[in-house]
């Protein structure tokens, strides 16, 4: 029993340490909801789940006990939520591919000068109008993506936020299965918080309401530090969401996504200015080149981040499947 208590206590300490590290990482990133921070959130989620599976094997829980059903329910919940994340972030792929094509189509503008013939000026003018129309289409697709993600959040994820305010005050329940039920409840609460952070950054966020819920002081996890660390991270994220949405529009909060959107809008405004004065001399050629370069750079970072997060989610899917298989095999061989 002493070994079980030690293992359970060690898991609570692991959660506390991981949450504290995430909070420090959140504070150290000047860019709110950046790929770098969200990638660390996924890593923490994956690490917690991995350690939970290891803990089950240490506790030597009874074969056929209800604990297995509860573990399977939790891993299924993680699986479903991560699939929504995967769906949301894959929607960005068409966006950055279209944006890259738009930027590439402007490479020829480098050769545009006031000294070129009128016919060439007309050609560039028509090309610019085509690019502006392409940007408008791209921006409409983003509105569609955000609307689709909002619908995903409402239909498949909204119940997840309720896990942040659930309350189990009966210590006997939390101590069930050598303390495993309390550990599983702690894991469920932590994973809910981390998933809501990921969904707010990568899918859709309309308010910080799901991060403003408090915790009942009677909850017994066996670790006050764990509850404090979770509450601190939750409160800080809520504050930052309030600051970023205030005066703005709800939607995808991802920093690199917002930066790419702004770069595209700046390029569009510059192209509209050029189109109006297309036959006049003294175009700000250097300025348009900077904006084209900025679009390419921003969407390159967006693409790199999407690929990284997608790879992490795929690895997590594999780990969830492997964890379920290990525990089923463990029970069948006892």
C-alpha atoms as a PDB file:
ATOM      1  CA  UNK A   1       0.000   0.000   0.000  1.00  0.00           C
ATOM      2  CA  UNK A   2       2.903   2.316   0.757  1.00  0.00           C
ATOM      3  CA  UNK A   3       4.140   1.839  -2.791  1.00  0.00           C
ATOM      4  CA  UNK A   4       0.679   2.710  -4.126  1.00  0.00           C
ATOM      5  CA  UNK A   5       0.492   5.878  -2.031  1.00  0.00           C
ATOM      6  CA  UNK A   6       3.955   6.857  -3.206  1.00  0.00           C
ATOM      7  CA  UNK A   7       3.047   6.294  -6.858  1.00  0.00           C
ATOM      8  CA  UNK A   8      -0.203   8.269  -6.583  1.00  0.00           C
ATOM      9  CA  UNK A   9       1.535  11.107  -4.751  1.00  0.00           C
ATOM     10  CA  UNK A  10       4.244  11.129  -7.409  1.00  0.00           C
ATOM     11  CA  UNK A  11       1.641  11.520 -10.145  1.00  0.00           C
ATOM     12  CA  UNK A  12       0.076  14.525  -8.393  1.00  0.00           C
ATOM     13  CA  UNK A  13       3.544  16.063  -8.097  1.00  0.00           C
ATOM     14  CA  UNK A  14       4.098  15.432 -11.805  1.00  0.00           C
ATOM     15  CA  UNK A  15       0.880  17.281 -12.647  1.00  0.00           C
ATOM     16  CA  UNK A  16       1.826  20.163 -10.365  1.00  0.00           C
ATOM     17  CA  UNK A  17       5.294  20.499 -11.879  1.00  0.00           C
ATOM     18  CA  UNK A  18       3.971  20.252 -15.443  1.00  0.00           C
ATOM     19  CA  UNK A  19       1.315  22.917 -14.850  1.00  0.00           C
ATOM     20  CA  UNK A  20       3.863  25.240 -13.240  1.00  0.00           C
ATOM     21  CA  UNK A  21       6.161  24.832 -16.243  1.00  0.00           C
ATOM     22  CA  UNK A  22       3.309  25.624 -18.608  1.00  0.00           C
ATOM     23  CA  UNK A  23       2.465  28.734 -16.616  1.00  0.00           C
ATOM     24  CA  UNK A  24       6.073  29.930 -16.764  1.00  0.00           C
ATOM     25  CA  UNK A  25       6.171  29.175 -20.486  1.00  0.00           C
ATOM     26  CA  UNK A  26       2.958  31.127 -20.977  1.00  0.00           C
ATOM     27  CA  UNK A  27       4.446  34.132 -19.181  1.00  0.00           C
ATOM     28  CA  UNK A  28       7.714  33.959 -21.108  1.00  0.00           C
ATOM     29  CA  UNK A  29       6.057  34.042 -24.554  1.00  0.00           C
ATOM     30  CA  UNK A  30       5.270  37.585 -25.645  1.00  0.00           C
ATOM     31  CA  UNK A  31       3.133  36.145 -28.458  1.00  0.00           C
ATOM     32  CA  UNK A  32      -0.221  35.013 -27.032  1.00  0.00           C
ATOM     33  CA  UNK A  33      -1.292  31.529 -28.175  1.00  0.00           C
ATOM     34  CA  UNK A  34       1.817  30.971 -30.281  1.00  0.00           C
ATOM     35  CA  UNK A  35       2.614  27.629 -31.904  1.00  0.00           C
ATOM     36  CA  UNK A  36       5.586  27.290 -29.560  1.00  0.00           C
ATOM     37  CA  UNK A  37       3.387  27.484 -26.448  1.00  0.00           C
ATOM     38  CA  UNK A  38       0.586  25.316 -27.862  1.00  0.00           C
ATOM     39  CA  UNK A  39       3.120  22.707 -28.913  1.00  0.00           C
ATOM     40  CA  UNK A  40       4.320  22.572 -25.303  1.00  0.00           C
ATOM     41  CA  UNK A  41       0.714  22.164 -24.131  1.00  0.00           C
ATOM     42  CA  UNK A  42       0.299  19.114 -26.375  1.00  0.00           C
ATOM     43  CA  UNK A  43       3.611  17.698 -25.132  1.00  0.00           C
ATOM     44  CA  UNK A  44       2.442  18.094 -21.525  1.00  0.00           C
ATOM     45  CA  UNK A  45      -0.894  16.467 -22.289  1.00  0.00           C
ATOM     46  CA  UNK A  46       0.866  13.547 -23.944  1.00  0.00           C
ATOM     47  CA  UNK A  47       3.319  13.204 -21.052  1.00  0.00           C
ATOM     48  CA  UNK A  48       0.536  13.230 -18.436  1.00  0.00           C
ATOM     49  CA  UNK A  49      -1.379  10.537 -20.305  1.00  0.00           C
ATOM     50  CA  UNK A  50       1.738   8.406 -20.678  1.00  0.00           C
ATOM     51  CA  UNK A  51       2.495   8.649 -16.959  1.00  0.00           C
ATOM     52  CA  UNK A  52      -1.120   7.795 -16.143  1.00  0.00           C
ATOM     53  CA  UNK A  53      -0.799   4.546 -18.094  1.00  0.00           C
ATOM     54  CA  UNK A  54       2.464   3.726 -16.284  1.00  0.00           C
ATOM     55  CA  UNK A  55       0.794   4.449 -12.922  1.00  0.00           C
ATOM     56  CA  UNK A  56      -2.005   1.956 -13.638  1.00  0.00           C
ATOM     57  CA  UNK A  57       0.547  -0.794 -14.163  1.00  0.00           C
ATOM     58  CA  UNK A  58       2.258   0.086 -10.867  1.00  0.00           C
ATOM     59  CA  UNK A  59      -0.944  -0.012  -8.836  1.00  0.00           C
ATOM     60  CA  UNK A  60      -1.853  -3.599  -9.760  1.00  0.00           C
ATOM     61  CA  UNK A  61      -5.550  -2.850  -9.910  1.00  0.00           C
ATOM     62  CA  UNK A  62      -8.075  -5.724  -9.892  1.00  0.00           C
ATOM     63  CA  UNK A  63      -8.762  -7.383 -13.232  1.00  0.00           C
ATOM     64  CA  UNK A  64     -12.206  -6.562 -14.578  1.00  0.00           C
ATOM     65  CA  UNK A  65     -12.651  -3.655 -12.164  1.00  0.00           C
ATOM     66  CA  UNK A  66     -14.621  -0.548 -13.050  1.00  0.00           C
ATOM     67  CA  UNK A  67     -11.344   1.385 -13.105  1.00  0.00           C
ATOM     68  CA  UNK A  68     -10.635   0.022 -16.605  1.00  0.00           C
ATOM     69  CA  UNK A  69     -13.967   1.317 -17.918  1.00  0.00           C
ATOM     70  CA  UNK A  70     -13.246   4.730 -16.408  1.00  0.00           C
ATOM     71  CA  UNK A  71      -9.760   4.796 -17.950  1.00  0.00           C
ATOM     72  CA  UNK A  72     -11.189   3.806 -21.344  1.00  0.00           C
ATOM     73  CA  UNK A  73     -13.824   6.539 -21.104  1.00  0.00           C
ATOM     74  CA  UNK A  74     -11.158   9.151 -20.381  1.00  0.00           C
ATOM     75  CA  UNK A  75      -8.875   8.022 -23.204  1.00  0.00           C
ATOM     76  CA  UNK A  76     -11.850   8.020 -25.594  1.00  0.00           C
ATOM     77  CA  UNK A  77     -12.649  11.582 -24.564  1.00  0.00           C
ATOM     78  CA  UNK A  78      -9.070  12.619 -25.302  1.00  0.00           C
ATOM     79  CA  UNK A  79      -9.246  10.850 -28.643  1.00  0.00           C
ATOM     80  CA  UNK A  80     -12.457  12.646 -29.666  1.00  0.00           C
ATOM     81  CA  UNK A  81     -11.238  16.088 -28.579  1.00  0.00           C
ATOM     82  CA  UNK A  82      -7.923  15.673 -30.396  1.00  0.00           C
ATOM     83  CA  UNK A  83      -9.785  14.686 -33.563  1.00  0.00           C
ATOM     84  CA  UNK A  84     -11.647  17.994 -33.396  1.00  0.00           C
ATOM     85  CA  UNK A  85      -8.276  19.737 -33.015  1.00  0.00           C
ATOM     86  CA  UNK A  86      -6.911  17.809 -35.998  1.00  0.00           C
ATOM     87  CA  UNK A  87      -9.934  18.757 -38.084  1.00  0.00           C
ATOM     88  CA  UNK A  88      -9.669  22.414 -37.095  1.00  0.00           C
ATOM     89  CA  UNK A  89      -5.987  22.778 -37.842  1.00  0.00           C
ATOM     90  CA  UNK A  90      -6.136  20.836 -41.100  1.00  0.00           C
ATOM     91  CA  UNK A  91      -8.538  23.521 -42.325  1.00  0.00           C
ATOM     92  CA  UNK A  92      -5.632  25.974 -42.259  1.00  0.00           C
ATOM     93  CA  UNK A  93      -3.759  23.978 -44.891  1.00  0.00           C
ATOM     94  CA  UNK A  94      -5.895  25.246 -47.782  1.00  0.00           C
ATOM     95  CA  UNK A  95      -5.474  28.775 -46.437  1.00  0.00           C
ATOM     96  CA  UNK A  96      -1.689  28.841 -46.385  1.00  0.00           C
ATOM     97  CA  UNK A  97      -1.443  27.008 -49.721  1.00  0.00           C
ATOM     98  CA  UNK A  98      -3.728  29.562 -51.392  1.00  0.00           C
ATOM     99  CA  UNK A  99      -1.837  32.426 -49.761  1.00  0.00           C
ATOM    100  CA  UNK A 100       1.503  31.045 -50.952  1.00  0.00           C
ATOM    101  CA  UNK A 101       0.181  30.881 -54.523  1.00  0.00           C
ATOM    102  CA  UNK A 102      -1.040  34.471 -54.285  1.00  0.00           C
ATOM    103  CA  UNK A 103       2.339  35.717 -53.057  1.00  0.00           C
ATOM    104  CA  UNK A 104       4.177  33.756 -55.752  1.00  0.00           C
ATOM    105  CA  UNK A 105       1.962  35.239 -58.458  1.00  0.00           C
ATOM    106  CA  UNK A 106       3.275  38.675 -57.492  1.00  0.00           C
ATOM    107  CA  UNK A 107       6.927  37.782 -58.026  1.00  0.00           C
ATOM    108  CA  UNK A 108       6.790  39.344 -61.503  1.00  0.00           C
ATOM    109  CA  UNK A 109       5.892  42.684 -59.931  1.00  0.00           C
ATOM    110  CA  UNK A 110       9.549  43.031 -59.078  1.00  0.00           C
ATOM    111  CA  UNK A 111      10.110  44.037 -62.703  1.00  0.00           C
ATOM    112  CA  UNK A 112       7.330  46.633 -62.779  1.00  0.00           C
ATOM    113  CA  UNK A 113       8.655  50.187 -63.239  1.00  0.00           C
ATOM    114  CA  UNK A 114       7.139  53.453 -64.489  1.00  0.00           C
ATOM    115  CA  UNK A 115       9.367  53.253 -67.595  1.00  0.00           C
ATOM    116  CA  UNK A 116       7.575  50.177 -68.988  1.00  0.00           C
ATOM    117  CA  UNK A 117       5.171  50.571 -71.901  1.00  0.00           C
ATOM    118  CA  UNK A 118       1.520  51.395 -71.406  1.00  0.00           C
ATOM    119  CA  UNK A 119       0.542  47.921 -72.640  1.00  0.00           C
ATOM    120  CA  UNK A 120       2.728  46.310 -69.975  1.00  0.00           C
ATOM    121  CA  UNK A 121       1.274  48.622 -67.330  1.00  0.00           C
ATOM    122  CA  UNK A 122      -2.236  47.501 -68.355  1.00  0.00           C
ATOM    123  CA  UNK A 123      -1.119  43.877 -68.103  1.00  0.00           C
ATOM    124  CA  UNK A 124       0.186  44.409 -64.567  1.00  0.00           C
ATOM    125  CA  UNK A 125      -2.980  46.316 -63.669  1.00  0.00           C
ATOM    126  CA  UNK A 126      -5.128  43.342 -64.715  1.00  0.00           C
ATOM    127  CA  UNK A 127      -2.849  40.951 -62.851  1.00  0.00           C
ATOM    128  CA  UNK A 128      -3.158  43.039 -59.700  1.00  0.00           C
ATOM    129  CA  UNK A 129      -6.952  42.988 -59.941  1.00  0.00           C
ATOM    130  CA  UNK A 130      -6.847  39.201 -60.302  1.00  0.00           C
ATOM    131  CA  UNK A 131      -4.663  38.914 -57.202  1.00  0.00           C
ATOM    132  CA  UNK A 132      -6.992  41.176 -55.210  1.00  0.00           C
ATOM    133  CA  UNK A 133      -9.939  38.961 -56.192  1.00  0.00           C
ATOM    134  CA  UNK A 134      -7.938  35.884 -55.128  1.00  0.00           C
ATOM    135  CA  UNK A 135      -7.214  37.514 -51.757  1.00  0.00           C
ATOM    136  CA  UNK A 136     -10.937  38.263 -51.314  1.00  0.00           C
ATOM    137  CA  UNK A 137     -11.747  34.593 -51.992  1.00  0.00           C
ATOM    138  CA  UNK A 138      -9.056  33.532 -49.522  1.00  0.00           C
ATOM    139  CA  UNK A 139     -10.451  35.842 -46.845  1.00  0.00           C
ATOM    140  CA  UNK A 140     -13.985  34.527 -47.378  1.00  0.00           C
ATOM    141  CA  UNK A 141     -12.674  30.977 -46.961  1.00  0.00           C
ATOM    142  CA  UNK A 142     -11.224  31.977 -43.598  1.00  0.00           C
ATOM    143  CA  UNK A 143     -14.621  33.253 -42.468  1.00  0.00           C
ATOM    144  CA  UNK A 144     -16.055  29.889 -43.522  1.00  0.00           C
ATOM    145  CA  UNK A 145     -13.313  28.028 -41.630  1.00  0.00           C
ATOM    146  CA  UNK A 146     -13.941  29.978 -38.435  1.00  0.00           C
ATOM    147  CA  UNK A 147     -17.682  29.404 -38.723  1.00  0.00           C
ATOM    148  CA  UNK A 148     -17.126  25.680 -39.225  1.00  0.00           C
ATOM    149  CA  UNK A 149     -14.805  25.559 -36.219  1.00  0.00           C
ATOM    150  CA  UNK A 150     -17.343  27.473 -34.125  1.00  0.00           C
ATOM    151  CA  UNK A 151     -19.962  24.883 -35.015  1.00  0.00           C
ATOM    152  CA  UNK A 152     -17.539  22.083 -34.044  1.00  0.00           C
ATOM    153  CA  UNK A 153     -16.986  23.729 -30.669  1.00  0.00           C
ATOM    154  CA  UNK A 154     -20.712  24.067 -30.019  1.00  0.00           C
ATOM    155  CA  UNK A 155     -21.746  20.580 -31.073  1.00  0.00           C
ATOM    156  CA  UNK A 156     -18.817  18.415 -30.000  1.00  0.00           C
ATOM    157  CA  UNK A 157     -16.679  20.333 -27.504  1.00  0.00           C
ATOM    158  CA  UNK A 158     -18.911  22.631 -25.461  1.00  0.00           C
ATOM    159  CA  UNK A 159     -19.690  19.834 -22.923  1.00  0.00           C
ATOM    160  CA  UNK A 160     -15.941  19.564 -22.294  1.00  0.00           C
ATOM    161  CA  UNK A 161     -15.860  22.914 -20.520  1.00  0.00           C
ATOM    162  CA  UNK A 162     -18.263  21.543 -17.929  1.00  0.00           C
ATOM    163  CA  UNK A 163     -15.497  19.208 -16.729  1.00  0.00           C
ATOM    164  CA  UNK A 164     -13.735  22.272 -15.329  1.00  0.00           C
ATOM    165  CA  UNK A 165     -16.499  22.867 -12.809  1.00  0.00           C
ATOM    166  CA  UNK A 166     -17.445  19.331 -11.852  1.00  0.00           C
ATOM    167  CA  UNK A 167     -17.244  18.625  -8.150  1.00  0.00           C
ATOM    168  CA  UNK A 168     -16.687  15.326  -6.383  1.00  0.00           C
ATOM    169  CA  UNK A 169     -16.586  16.050  -2.669  1.00  0.00           C
ATOM    170  CA  UNK A 170     -16.705  12.483  -1.361  1.00  0.00           C
ATOM    171  CA  UNK A 171     -13.189  11.488  -0.416  1.00  0.00           C
ATOM    172  CA  UNK A 172     -14.156   7.812  -0.447  1.00  0.00           C
ATOM    173  CA  UNK A 173     -14.900   8.027  -4.164  1.00  0.00           C
ATOM    174  CA  UNK A 174     -11.612   9.724  -4.926  1.00  0.00           C
ATOM    175  CA  UNK A 175      -9.707   7.151  -2.887  1.00  0.00           C
ATOM    176  CA  UNK A 176     -11.306   4.261  -4.769  1.00  0.00           C
ATOM    177  CA  UNK A 177      -9.055   1.743  -6.537  1.00  0.00           C
ATOM    178  CA  UNK A 178      -6.004   2.583  -4.369  1.00  0.00           C
ATOM    179  CA  UNK A 179      -6.451   6.275  -5.124  1.00  0.00           C
ATOM    180  CA  UNK A 180      -6.649   5.739  -8.877  1.00  0.00           C
ATOM    181  CA  UNK A 181     -10.126   7.259  -9.156  1.00  0.00           C
ATOM    182  CA  UNK A 182      -8.841  10.518  -7.658  1.00  0.00           C
ATOM    183  CA  UNK A 183      -5.867  10.446 -10.033  1.00  0.00           C
ATOM    184  CA  UNK A 184      -8.173   9.856 -13.002  1.00  0.00           C
ATOM    185  CA  UNK A 185     -10.412  12.728 -11.939  1.00  0.00           C
ATOM    186  CA  UNK A 186      -7.364  14.978 -11.573  1.00  0.00           C
ATOM    187  CA  UNK A 187      -6.175  13.915 -15.018  1.00  0.00           C
ATOM    188  CA  UNK A 188      -9.610  14.590 -16.458  1.00  0.00           C
ATOM    189  CA  UNK A 189      -9.645  18.102 -15.001  1.00  0.00           C
ATOM    190  CA  UNK A 190      -6.131  18.896 -16.220  1.00  0.00           C
ATOM    191  CA  UNK A 191      -6.691  17.495 -19.695  1.00  0.00           C
ATOM    192  CA  UNK A 192      -9.950  19.477 -19.953  1.00  0.00           C
ATOM    193  CA  UNK A 193      -8.099  22.689 -19.179  1.00  0.00           C
ATOM    194  CA  UNK A 194      -5.263  21.947 -21.612  1.00  0.00           C
ATOM    195  CA  UNK A 195      -7.676  20.895 -24.354  1.00  0.00           C
ATOM    196  CA  UNK A 196      -9.686  24.099 -23.899  1.00  0.00           C
ATOM    197  CA  UNK A 197      -6.452  26.106 -24.274  1.00  0.00           C
ATOM    198  CA  UNK A 198      -5.608  24.227 -27.478  1.00  0.00           C
ATOM    199  CA  UNK A 199      -9.121  24.574 -28.867  1.00  0.00           C
ATOM    200  CA  UNK A 200      -9.206  28.305 -28.099  1.00  0.00           C
ATOM    201  CA  UNK A 201      -5.948  28.799 -29.960  1.00  0.00           C
ATOM    202  CA  UNK A 202      -6.383  26.405 -32.876  1.00  0.00           C
ATOM    203  CA  UNK A 203     -10.147  26.017 -33.370  1.00  0.00           C
ATOM    204  CA  UNK A 204     -12.342  28.837 -32.058  1.00  0.00           C
ATOM    205  CA  UNK A 205     -12.762  31.056 -29.006  1.00  0.00           C
ATOM    206  CA  UNK A 206     -15.715  33.375 -28.440  1.00  0.00           C
ATOM    207  CA  UNK A 207     -15.047  34.270 -24.795  1.00  0.00           C
ATOM    208  CA  UNK A 208     -13.035  33.345 -21.723  1.00  0.00           C
ATOM    209  CA  UNK A 209     -16.156  32.121 -19.890  1.00  0.00           C
ATOM    210  CA  UNK A 210     -15.035  28.482 -19.776  1.00  0.00           C
ATOM    211  CA  UNK A 211     -11.805  29.572 -18.024  1.00  0.00           C
ATOM    212  CA  UNK A 212     -13.517  31.667 -15.339  1.00  0.00           C
ATOM    213  CA  UNK A 213     -15.038  28.752 -13.431  1.00  0.00           C
ATOM    214  CA  UNK A 214     -13.905  28.290  -9.851  1.00  0.00           C
ATOM    215  CA  UNK A 215     -13.088  25.144  -7.875  1.00  0.00           C
ATOM    216  CA  UNK A 216     -14.868  23.909  -4.809  1.00  0.00           C
ATOM    217  CA  UNK A 217     -12.586  24.007  -1.800  1.00  0.00           C
ATOM    218  CA  UNK A 218     -13.900  20.638  -0.593  1.00  0.00           C
ATOM    219  CA  UNK A 219     -12.428  18.714  -3.515  1.00  0.00           C
ATOM    220  CA  UNK A 220      -9.804  16.286  -2.310  1.00  0.00           C
ATOM    221  CA  UNK A 221      -7.105  15.342  -4.770  1.00  0.00           C
ATOM    222  CA  UNK A 222      -4.358  14.692  -2.267  1.00  0.00           C
ATOM    223  CA  UNK A 223      -2.408  17.649  -3.588  1.00  0.00           C
ATOM    224  CA  UNK A 224      -3.229  21.259  -2.813  1.00  0.00           C
ATOM    225  CA  UNK A 225      -0.305  22.344  -4.981  1.00  0.00           C
ATOM    226  CA  UNK A 226      -1.869  20.686  -7.971  1.00  0.00           C
ATOM    227  CA  UNK A 227      -5.174  22.554  -7.545  1.00  0.00           C
ATOM    228  CA  UNK A 228      -3.400  25.877  -7.013  1.00  0.00           C
ATOM    229  CA  UNK A 229      -1.196  25.424 -10.088  1.00  0.00           C
ATOM    230  CA  UNK A 230      -4.191  24.560 -12.221  1.00  0.00           C
ATOM    231  CA  UNK A 231      -6.195  27.562 -10.996  1.00  0.00           C
ATOM    232  CA  UNK A 232      -3.285  29.952 -11.643  1.00  0.00           C
ATOM    233  CA  UNK A 233      -2.806  28.798 -15.240  1.00  0.00           C
ATOM    234  CA  UNK A 234      -6.564  28.867 -15.833  1.00  0.00           C
ATOM    235  CA  UNK A 235      -6.896  32.430 -14.522  1.00  0.00           C
ATOM    236  CA  UNK A 236      -3.933  33.738 -16.528  1.00  0.00           C
ATOM    237  CA  UNK A 237      -5.239  32.262 -19.775  1.00  0.00           C
ATOM    238  CA  UNK A 238      -8.686  33.787 -19.093  1.00  0.00           C
ATOM    239  CA  UNK A 239      -7.135  37.217 -18.520  1.00  0.00           C
ATOM    240  CA  UNK A 240      -5.149  37.065 -21.752  1.00  0.00           C
ATOM    241  CA  UNK A 241      -8.189  35.928 -23.740  1.00  0.00           C
ATOM    242  CA  UNK A 242     -10.194  38.865 -22.361  1.00  0.00           C
ATOM    243  CA  UNK A 243      -7.446  41.285 -23.395  1.00  0.00           C
ATOM    244  CA  UNK A 244      -7.093  39.827 -26.887  1.00  0.00           C
ATOM    245  CA  UNK A 245     -10.804  39.578 -27.689  1.00  0.00           C
ATOM    246  CA  UNK A 246     -11.721  42.958 -26.174  1.00  0.00           C
ATOM    247  CA  UNK A 247     -12.606  45.269 -29.047  1.00  0.00           C
ATOM    248  CA  UNK A 248     -11.896  42.500 -31.544  1.00  0.00           C
ATOM    249  CA  UNK A 249     -13.720  39.568 -33.033  1.00  0.00           C
ATOM    250  CA  UNK A 250     -13.929  36.044 -31.599  1.00  0.00           C
ATOM    251  CA  UNK A 251     -12.347  33.315 -33.688  1.00  0.00           C
ATOM    252  CA  UNK A 252      -9.027  31.490 -34.016  1.00  0.00           C
ATOM    253  CA  UNK A 253      -6.612  33.056 -31.499  1.00  0.00           C
ATOM    254  CA  UNK A 254      -3.425  31.426 -32.828  1.00  0.00           C
ATOM    255  CA  UNK A 255      -0.759  34.158 -33.002  1.00  0.00           C
ATOM    256  CA  UNK A 256       0.789  33.015 -36.293  1.00  0.00           C
ATOM    257  CA  UNK A 257      -2.659  32.730 -37.865  1.00  0.00           C
ATOM    258  CA  UNK A 258      -3.619  36.256 -36.835  1.00  0.00           C
ATOM    259  CA  UNK A 259      -0.289  37.601 -38.031  1.00  0.00           C
ATOM    260  CA  UNK A 260      -0.719  35.928 -41.437  1.00  0.00           C
ATOM    261  CA  UNK A 261      -4.249  37.351 -41.750  1.00  0.00           C
ATOM    262  CA  UNK A 262      -2.970  40.855 -41.013  1.00  0.00           C
ATOM    263  CA  UNK A 263      -0.111  40.502 -43.494  1.00  0.00           C
ATOM    264  CA  UNK A 264      -2.573  39.435 -46.201  1.00  0.00           C
ATOM    265  CA  UNK A 265      -4.852  42.389 -45.455  1.00  0.00           C
ATOM    266  CA  UNK A 266      -1.918  44.835 -45.626  1.00  0.00           C
ATOM    267  CA  UNK A 267      -0.865  43.386 -48.966  1.00  0.00           C
ATOM    268  CA  UNK A 268      -4.412  43.729 -50.294  1.00  0.00           C
ATOM    269  CA  UNK A 269      -4.614  47.395 -49.242  1.00  0.00           C
ATOM    270  CA  UNK A 270      -1.284  48.136 -50.906  1.00  0.00           C
ATOM    271  CA  UNK A 271      -2.367  46.398 -54.118  1.00  0.00           C
ATOM    272  CA  UNK A 272      -5.602  48.412 -54.151  1.00  0.00           C
ATOM    273  CA  UNK A 273      -3.585  51.613 -53.783  1.00  0.00           C
ATOM    274  CA  UNK A 274      -1.315  50.589 -56.639  1.00  0.00           C
ATOM    275  CA  UNK A 275      -4.244  49.618 -58.845  1.00  0.00           C
ATOM    276  CA  UNK A 276      -5.766  53.082 -58.410  1.00  0.00           C
ATOM    277  CA  UNK A 277      -2.534  54.827 -59.365  1.00  0.00           C
ATOM    278  CA  UNK A 278      -1.351  52.218 -61.830  1.00  0.00           C
ATOM    279  CA  UNK A 279      -0.654  54.708 -64.610  1.00  0.00           C
ATOM    280  CA  UNK A 280       1.139  57.217 -62.437  1.00  0.00           C
ATOM    281  CA  UNK A 281       4.876  57.293 -61.883  1.00  0.00           C
ATOM    282  CA  UNK A 282       6.647  56.836 -58.574  1.00  0.00           C
ATOM    283  CA  UNK A 283       5.100  53.590 -57.343  1.00  0.00           C
ATOM    284  CA  UNK A 284       6.245  52.467 -53.916  1.00  0.00           C
ATOM    285  CA  UNK A 285       7.864  49.371 -55.372  1.00  0.00           C
ATOM    286  CA  UNK A 286      10.116  48.761 -52.389  1.00  0.00           C
ATOM    287  CA  UNK A 287       7.136  48.859 -50.042  1.00  0.00           C
ATOM    288  CA  UNK A 288       5.114  46.323 -52.025  1.00  0.00           C
ATOM    289  CA  UNK A 289       8.108  44.000 -52.127  1.00  0.00           C
ATOM    290  CA  UNK A 290       8.348  44.176 -48.342  1.00  0.00           C
ATOM    291  CA  UNK A 291       4.676  43.292 -47.999  1.00  0.00           C
ATOM    292  CA  UNK A 292       5.008  40.371 -50.416  1.00  0.00           C
ATOM    293  CA  UNK A 293       8.017  39.129 -48.441  1.00  0.00           C
ATOM    294  CA  UNK A 294       6.085  39.547 -45.174  1.00  0.00           C
ATOM    295  CA  UNK A 295       3.181  37.465 -46.505  1.00  0.00           C
ATOM    296  CA  UNK A 296       5.543  34.698 -47.610  1.00  0.00           C
ATOM    297  CA  UNK A 297       7.327  34.746 -44.248  1.00  0.00           C
ATOM    298  CA  UNK A 298       4.123  34.727 -42.152  1.00  0.00           C
ATOM    299  CA  UNK A 299       2.503  31.925 -44.116  1.00  0.00           C
ATOM    300  CA  UNK A 300       5.730  29.947 -44.092  1.00  0.00           C
ATOM    301  CA  UNK A 301       5.694  30.064 -40.279  1.00  0.00           C
ATOM    302  CA  UNK A 302       2.012  29.139 -40.272  1.00  0.00           C
ATOM    303  CA  UNK A 303       2.679  26.137 -42.477  1.00  0.00           C
ATOM    304  CA  UNK A 304       5.609  24.984 -40.338  1.00  0.00           C
ATOM    305  CA  UNK A 305       3.527  25.271 -37.156  1.00  0.00           C
ATOM    306  CA  UNK A 306       0.556  23.416 -38.635  1.00  0.00           C
ATOM    307  CA  UNK A 307       2.804  20.556 -39.723  1.00  0.00           C
ATOM    308  CA  UNK A 308       4.422  20.381 -36.275  1.00  0.00           C
ATOM    309  CA  UNK A 309       1.114  20.331 -34.385  1.00  0.00           C
ATOM    310  CA  UNK A 310      -0.346  17.789 -36.829  1.00  0.00           C
ATOM    311  CA  UNK A 311       2.639  15.501 -36.234  1.00  0.00           C
ATOM    312  CA  UNK A 312       2.264  15.816 -32.462  1.00  0.00           C
ATOM    313  CA  UNK A 313      -1.439  14.972 -32.623  1.00  0.00           C
ATOM    314  CA  UNK A 314      -0.733  11.923 -34.791  1.00  0.00           C
ATOM    315  CA  UNK A 315       1.849  10.741 -32.246  1.00  0.00           C
ATOM    316  CA  UNK A 316      -0.659  11.275 -29.448  1.00  0.00           C
ATOM    317  CA  UNK A 317      -3.291   9.217 -31.294  1.00  0.00           C
ATOM    318  CA  UNK A 318      -0.779   6.371 -31.574  1.00  0.00           C
ATOM    319  CA  UNK A 319       0.051   6.637 -27.875  1.00  0.00           C
ATOM    320  CA  UNK A 320      -3.614   6.537 -26.829  1.00  0.00           C
ATOM    321  CA  UNK A 321      -4.159   3.387 -28.890  1.00  0.00           C
ATOM    322  CA  UNK A 322      -0.996   1.805 -27.478  1.00  0.00           C
ATOM    323  CA  UNK A 323      -1.951   2.685 -23.890  1.00  0.00           C
ATOM    324  CA  UNK A 324      -5.386   1.114 -24.220  1.00  0.00           C
ATOM    325  CA  UNK A 325      -3.864  -2.001 -25.766  1.00  0.00           C
ATOM    326  CA  UNK A 326      -1.260  -2.351 -22.992  1.00  0.00           C
ATOM    327  CA  UNK A 327      -3.848  -2.189 -20.222  1.00  0.00           C
ATOM    328  CA  UNK A 328      -6.167  -4.627 -21.971  1.00  0.00           C
ATOM    329  CA  UNK A 329      -3.252  -7.033 -22.478  1.00  0.00           C
ATOM    330  CA  UNK A 330      -2.195  -6.571 -18.849  1.00  0.00           C
ATOM    331  CA  UNK A 331      -5.676  -7.522 -17.611  1.00  0.00           C
ATOM    332  CA  UNK A 332      -5.990 -10.493 -19.927  1.00  0.00           C
ATOM    333  CA  UNK A 333      -2.634 -11.950 -18.802  1.00  0.00           C
ATOM    334  CA  UNK A 334      -3.237 -11.720 -15.065  1.00  0.00           C
END
